[in-house]
Amino acid sequence: MSSQRDWRRVYDFWFPVDLSEAPIATHWQMLTWWMRGGANAELHQFEPLVHAAKAGELDHWRDTPLGRLSLIIVLDQFPRGLFAGTPDAYSSDPDTVRIAEEGFGNWHYDALTSPYEKFFYFLPLAHAEGPDHLERMKRIVAVSEQVLEEAPEHLKPVWQFSLSQARANLDIITRFGRFPHRNPVLGRPSTPEELTYLAEGDFVHTRSLPASASSAISAVG
């Protein structure tokens, strides 16, 4: 198999830093890179992999836990950076949820050792709209609560922020049953309540990290 289609290339790109012993500032830096588009400028190199994954040509990655996680990242994270503002950003969401759910059943999820591996494994359940979206969001909140409880004391601010985001997304899906900010991209009409929400512009995925994060990052330059 060509190294250009090896899941390890994706894994090493997405997890370039060992956070197991890293200070909290490094955790915040990585969260900023992951969740605020820091990786986007480099994603063009992975666009062929995204198309291959959508065509089912990388399904063999599902044979191992880290391979499955890497496939989830290709289908869930990369399109959001590569195709932002277009329907293609969300088009692989249903397949990604199916791949993730399969891994819950065969213990691939349980085999992951890093909380960040598990975080990105779980994200498709939050991202994919659908009739079971509310129940999936409730699962994510429950898992986020457990992660916060088990986190080392010095890292609890990181996972408290993650939990706050999960709860905020649960609120959005409870209210609307979907993400209204996608309506213009997908050509969907918005309800009057959604129009009010869109006018406010307080979208969960664009919320700033807490002030403590900025302070920690600034302290290390």
Foldseek 3Di string as FASTA:
>chain_A
DDPLQDLVVLVCVLCVDDCPPPAQLVVLVSCCCQQVVVCLVVLVSCVVVLVCLVVVNLVVLLVALSSLLSSLCSPQRSLCSPVPLAPSNQVCLVVSVVSLVVCVVVCSLVPDDDPVSNVSSLVSLLAHADDCNLVSLVVVLVVLVVCLVPDDPSNNLVSVLVNVLSVVSSVVCVVPSHQLVCCVNVVHDDDPVSVVVVVVVPDSSPDDRDPVNVVSNVVVD
